[in-house]
Amino acid sequence: MLRRFPLLASLSVLAFGAGAVDAHAEIVRLHGRFVAEHGATEVVKGGVKATLDTSSDTLKYRIHYSGLSGAVMVAHLHGPADEGQDAGVLVPIPGPYVGHLKGTLTLTPDQVKDVLDGKTYVNLHTAEHKDGEARAQLVH
């Protein structure tokens, strides 16, 4: 039958092919609360709210914080690591660092997997705590 109706065959492939791609794309909501780390004793407040778009490999984030020992010098997305473990920088988070940040990061497929597996965290670095003063593990 498909031989007699080549247009129908082509449309079937397009319809099922497009459906297969969309079936795997999703938006995942993530969050994390900042906690002091690396010996920091400040009472850090704030957190991260983010959405991961698996169809475009992008992470849209909103970060708010207060109570640090000083100004944030740099911020990063780190991983892969379980909560309480350290890991290298995956992606820098651009400033300006003024108590809140928002933006979108483009990730690699491996980084997307790390985010989905709960193995990434946002780290805020200050002059007093260059290894990181506050950390928020991203979970969903």
Foldseek 3Di string as FASTA:
>chain_A
DCVVPVVVVVVVCVVVVVVVLVVPWDKDWKKWFKDFDPPADWDKGWIKIWIATPSQQKIKIKTFIDGHPDFFPWKAKFDQAAPPDGGDGQGTFDDDGDRMGTDMDHHDPVVVVSLAVQRIWMFTADPVRNVGTIIIGMDD
